[in-house]
């Protein structure tokens, strides 16, 4: 085994221990930074994070790391990560959107239906998504005096060239709560399940005439219930 930089003054037996513990440290950093589960931590994740990561690793590393410049740097990174677990634990909108699209496409494949995600529908989704977030609940309708009252009104506001084109469209929305910590993938599953449990939404999502779609998501900051809003719009025609 070659001596890693910064460990050459440690006796051989301690080098092996240091290398072993440093590898564990890197695994922990990888998990927190990228969500990779290099080992099977899923079943004991809470216990691992609460006791092993936050207490034992730092305690075990102290004597070895203080003699190594490389290991000191790793410790500094690890401490920063452990002190910001909640920050790294927040949901990632892009990941939820990606995972949701995977689930939706798999569902469409099972129905032998083809739909294409259309990013030009994003502003339409985001506009009403922001409206619902400000209201604190999901609704298909805005204030009675609003020129953006219904889904069709908003659609034609963003895409006036589509007026009279004979398009068919549909809007779906969800406000999902995990009630506790869960991964982006798990949250995407919750949102998708919520749509599938609604007959009206499920019908729109499976409508073969609505061939273009887009979904947007909003994570409520510091929400104790881990609330995520979602709005999707489907159209029979590609907007222009």
Protein backbone atom coordinates (compact mmCIF):
# COMPACT_ATOMS: atom_id res chain seq x y z
CA UNK A 1 0.00 0.00 0.00
CA UNK A 2 1.51 3.32 -0.99
CA UNK A 3 1.60 6.12 1.55
CA UNK A 4 -1.10 8.69 0.87
CA UNK A 5 -0.03 12.31 1.06
CA UNK A 6 0.04 13.56 4.64
CA UNK A 7 0.15 10.08 6.25
CA UNK A 8 3.81 9.12 5.75
CA UNK A 9 4.72 9.83 9.39
CA UNK A 10 2.08 7.51 10.79
CA UNK A 11 3.16 3.91 11.54
CA UNK A 12 2.09 1.27 8.99
CA UNK A 13 -0.69 -0.17 11.14
CA UNK A 14 -2.18 3.26 11.68
CA UNK A 15 -1.89 4.00 7.97
CA UNK A 16 -4.21 1.09 7.27
CA UNK A 17 -6.64 2.26 9.93
CA UNK A 18 -6.46 5.78 8.58
CA UNK A 19 -7.09 4.63 5.02
CA UNK A 20 -10.05 2.51 6.13
CA UNK A 21 -11.60 5.34 8.12
CA UNK A 22 -10.88 7.86 5.40
CA UNK A 23 -12.75 5.68 2.92
CA UNK A 24 -15.74 5.65 5.26
CA UNK A 25 -15.46 9.43 5.52
CA UNK A 26 -15.50 9.75 1.74
CA UNK A 27 -18.53 7.48 1.56
CA UNK A 28 -20.37 9.74 3.99
CA UNK A 29 -19.40 12.84 2.01
CA UNK A 30 -20.56 11.18 -1.19
CA UNK A 31 -23.91 10.27 0.34
CA UNK A 32 -24.56 13.80 1.57
CA UNK A 33 -23.34 15.55 -1.55
CA UNK A 34 -24.78 13.34 -4.25
CA UNK A 35 -27.22 10.94 -2.59
CA UNK A 36 -25.28 7.87 -3.76
CA UNK A 37 -25.82 4.90 -1.49
CA UNK A 38 -22.52 3.09 -2.01
CA UNK A 39 -23.34 0.76 0.86
CA UNK A 40 -26.80 -0.47 1.86
CA UNK A 41 -27.68 2.26 4.37
CA UNK A 42 -31.33 2.60 3.38
CA UNK A 43 -32.84 0.38 6.09
CA UNK A 44 -30.73 1.88 8.87
CA UNK A 45 -30.33 5.39 7.48
CA UNK A 46 -31.76 7.25 10.47
CA UNK A 47 -29.68 5.29 12.96
CA UNK A 48 -26.58 5.68 10.79
CA UNK A 49 -26.95 9.45 10.43
CA UNK A 50 -27.94 10.12 14.03
CA UNK A 51 -25.42 8.02 15.91
CA UNK A 52 -22.61 6.73 13.69
CA UNK A 53 -22.04 9.74 11.44
CA UNK A 54 -22.55 12.52 13.95
CA UNK A 55 -20.72 10.94 16.90
CA UNK A 56 -18.49 7.97 16.23
CA UNK A 57 -16.77 9.03 13.00
CA UNK A 58 -15.69 12.41 14.33
CA UNK A 59 -14.52 10.85 17.59
CA UNK A 60 -12.53 8.08 15.89
CA UNK A 61 -10.91 10.40 13.37
CA UNK A 62 -9.61 13.05 15.77
CA UNK A 63 -6.28 11.48 16.72
CA UNK A 64 -5.44 10.29 13.22
CA UNK A 65 -6.67 13.27 11.25
CA UNK A 66 -4.83 15.87 13.30
CA UNK A 67 -1.54 14.38 12.01
CA UNK A 68 -2.53 14.58 8.39
CA UNK A 69 -3.05 17.74 6.31
CA UNK A 70 -5.15 15.79 3.82
CA UNK A 71 -7.31 14.29 6.53
CA UNK A 72 -7.72 17.62 8.27
CA UNK A 73 -9.17 19.04 5.08
CA UNK A 74 -11.54 16.09 4.78
CA UNK A 75 -12.62 16.57 8.40
CA UNK A 76 -13.35 20.24 7.79
CA UNK A 77 -15.53 19.32 4.82
CA UNK A 78 -17.27 16.57 6.78
CA UNK A 79 -18.02 18.82 9.76
CA UNK A 80 -19.49 21.42 7.44
CA UNK A 81 -21.66 18.79 5.82
CA UNK A 82 -22.86 17.34 9.11
CA UNK A 83 -23.75 20.78 10.42
CA UNK A 84 -25.80 21.45 7.31
CA UNK A 85 -27.64 18.13 6.97
CA UNK A 86 -30.97 19.95 6.83
CA UNK A 87 -29.79 22.11 3.93
CA UNK A 88 -28.66 19.12 1.90
CA UNK A 89 -31.82 17.30 2.96
CA UNK A 90 -34.10 19.80 1.24
CA UNK A 91 -35.90 18.69 -1.88
CA UNK A 92 -34.48 19.44 -5.29
CA UNK A 93 -37.04 20.74 -7.80
CA UNK A 94 -35.09 19.49 -10.82
CA UNK A 95 -34.76 16.01 -9.33
CA UNK A 96 -38.45 15.81 -8.47
CA UNK A 97 -39.36 16.93 -11.99
CA UNK A 98 -37.01 14.37 -13.54
CA UNK A 99 -38.29 11.52 -11.37
CA UNK A 100 -41.91 12.52 -11.97
CA UNK A 101 -41.40 12.52 -15.74
CA UNK A 102 -39.87 9.05 -15.54
CA UNK A 103 -42.95 7.78 -13.68
CA UNK A 104 -45.32 9.49 -16.10
CA UNK A 105 -43.55 8.15 -19.17
CA UNK A 106 -43.55 4.65 -17.71
CA UNK A 107 -47.29 4.94 -17.13
CA UNK A 108 -47.83 6.16 -20.69
CA UNK A 109 -45.75 3.28 -22.04
CA UNK A 110 -48.01 0.84 -20.21
CA UNK A 111 -50.96 2.44 -22.02
CA UNK A 112 -49.13 2.46 -25.37
CA UNK A 113 -49.58 6.23 -25.44
CA UNK A 114 -47.01 8.77 -26.63
CA UNK A 115 -46.75 12.28 -25.17
CA UNK A 116 -43.93 14.78 -25.47
CA UNK A 117 -42.72 17.18 -22.79
CA UNK A 118 -42.88 20.73 -24.15
CA UNK A 119 -40.83 23.32 -22.26
CA UNK A 120 -42.69 26.25 -23.87
CA UNK A 121 -45.60 25.38 -21.58
CA UNK A 122 -43.42 26.08 -18.55
CA UNK A 123 -44.31 29.83 -18.17
CA UNK A 124 -48.00 28.93 -18.21
CA UNK A 125 -47.49 26.37 -15.44
CA UNK A 126 -45.23 28.65 -13.40
CA UNK A 127 -47.64 31.56 -13.51
CA UNK A 128 -50.54 29.67 -11.97
CA UNK A 129 -48.20 27.73 -9.69
CA UNK A 130 -47.06 31.02 -8.13
CA UNK A 131 -50.70 32.10 -7.79
CA UNK A 132 -51.62 28.92 -5.89
CA UNK A 133 -48.57 29.14 -3.63
CA UNK A 134 -49.51 32.71 -2.65
CA UNK A 135 -53.08 31.58 -1.95
CA UNK A 136 -51.84 28.66 0.10
CA UNK A 137 -53.96 26.07 -1.73
CA UNK A 138 -54.46 24.69 -5.23
CA UNK A 139 -57.33 25.98 -7.34
CA UNK A 140 -58.13 25.91 -11.04
CA UNK A 141 -59.69 29.36 -10.88
CA UNK A 142 -58.39 32.80 -10.00
CA UNK A 143 -60.38 35.76 -8.67
CA UNK A 144 -63.71 36.35 -10.43
CA UNK A 145 -62.56 39.67 -11.92
CA UNK A 146 -59.26 38.27 -13.18
CA UNK A 147 -58.56 38.12 -16.91
CA UNK A 148 -56.68 34.91 -16.08
CA UNK A 149 -59.68 33.30 -14.38
CA UNK A 150 -59.63 29.86 -15.99
CA UNK A 151 -57.04 27.57 -17.54
CA UNK A 152 -58.09 28.48 -21.09
CA UNK A 153 -57.84 32.21 -20.29
CA UNK A 154 -54.30 31.74 -19.07
CA UNK A 155 -53.39 29.54 -22.01
CA UNK A 156 -54.55 32.14 -24.56
CA UNK A 157 -52.86 34.92 -22.60
CA UNK A 158 -49.49 33.22 -22.94
CA UNK A 159 -50.14 31.89 -26.45
CA UNK A 160 -52.50 34.33 -28.24
CA UNK A 161 -51.53 32.83 -31.61
CA UNK A 162 -53.35 29.68 -30.59
CA UNK A 163 -56.73 31.43 -30.42
CA UNK A 164 -59.09 29.77 -32.86
CA UNK A 165 -56.67 26.91 -33.48
CA UNK A 166 -59.11 24.37 -32.10
CA UNK A 167 -56.73 23.14 -29.43
CA UNK A 168 -57.81 20.99 -26.53
CA UNK A 169 -56.08 21.34 -23.21
CA UNK A 170 -56.20 20.39 -19.59
CA UNK A 171 -54.73 21.53 -16.29
CA UNK A 172 -53.83 19.30 -13.36
CA UNK A 173 -52.51 20.29 -9.94
CA UNK A 174 -51.47 18.87 -6.62
CA UNK A 175 -50.33 19.94 -3.17
CA UNK A 176 -48.44 17.04 -1.61
CA UNK A 177 -47.15 16.63 1.94
CA UNK A 178 -44.74 13.98 3.10
CA UNK A 179 -45.31 14.59 6.81
CA UNK A 180 -41.65 13.74 7.33
CA UNK A 181 -38.38 13.36 5.50
CA UNK A 182 -38.34 11.52 2.21
CA UNK A 183 -36.19 11.57 -0.90
CA UNK A 184 -36.87 13.47 -4.13
CA UNK A 185 -37.78 10.18 -5.77
CA UNK A 186 -40.24 9.33 -3.00
CA UNK A 187 -41.81 12.78 -3.21
CA UNK A 188 -42.21 12.41 -6.98
CA UNK A 189 -43.99 9.10 -6.34
CA UNK A 190 -46.31 10.76 -3.83
CA UNK A 191 -47.24 13.49 -6.31
CA UNK A 192 -47.78 11.04 -9.14
CA UNK A 193 -49.91 8.80 -6.92
CA UNK A 194 -51.97 11.84 -5.93
CA UNK A 195 -52.71 12.52 -9.61
CA UNK A 196 -53.58 8.90 -10.27
CA UNK A 197 -55.99 8.85 -7.32
CA UNK A 198 -57.97 11.71 -8.85
CA UNK A 199 -60.32 10.45 -11.57
CA UNK A 200 -60.49 13.85 -13.31
CA UNK A 201 -56.72 14.32 -13.31
CA UNK A 202 -56.03 10.73 -14.29
CA UNK A 203 -58.38 11.08 -17.25
CA UNK A 204 -56.52 14.15 -18.51
CA UNK A 205 -53.11 12.58 -17.99
CA UNK A 206 -54.16 9.54 -20.00
CA UNK A 207 -56.02 11.41 -22.76
CA UNK A 208 -54.38 10.34 -26.02
CA UNK A 209 -55.42 13.58 -27.75
CA UNK A 210 -53.34 15.70 -25.37
CA UNK A 211 -49.94 14.96 -26.83
CA UNK A 212 -47.85 17.78 -25.31
CA UNK A 213 -47.32 18.50 -21.63
CA UNK A 214 -45.19 20.13 -18.98
CA UNK A 215 -45.09 20.03 -15.19
CA UNK A 216 -43.58 22.50 -12.75
CA UNK A 217 -43.01 22.13 -9.02
CA UNK A 218 -42.53 24.45 -6.06
CA UNK A 219 -41.07 23.46 -2.69
CA UNK A 220 -42.39 25.49 0.25
CA UNK A 221 -39.30 26.69 2.17
CA UNK A 222 -38.93 25.49 5.77
CA UNK A 223 -42.28 23.72 5.65
CA UNK A 224 -42.72 21.38 8.67
CA UNK A 225 -44.96 19.14 6.54
CA UNK A 226 -42.56 19.15 3.55
CA UNK A 227 -45.12 20.67 1.18
CA UNK A 228 -44.56 20.55 -2.58
CA UNK A 229 -46.92 22.18 -5.08
CA UNK A 230 -47.27 20.84 -8.60
CA UNK A 231 -49.07 22.09 -11.70
CA UNK A 232 -49.15 20.52 -15.14
CA UNK A 233 -50.69 21.56 -18.42
CA UNK A 234 -51.48 19.32 -21.36
CA UNK A 235 -52.26 20.44 -24.90
CA UNK A 236 -53.36 18.77 -28.12
CA UNK A 237 -51.22 21.17 -30.13
CA UNK A 238 -47.64 22.35 -29.86
CA UNK A 239 -47.73 25.99 -28.82
CA UNK A 240 -46.08 28.58 -31.03
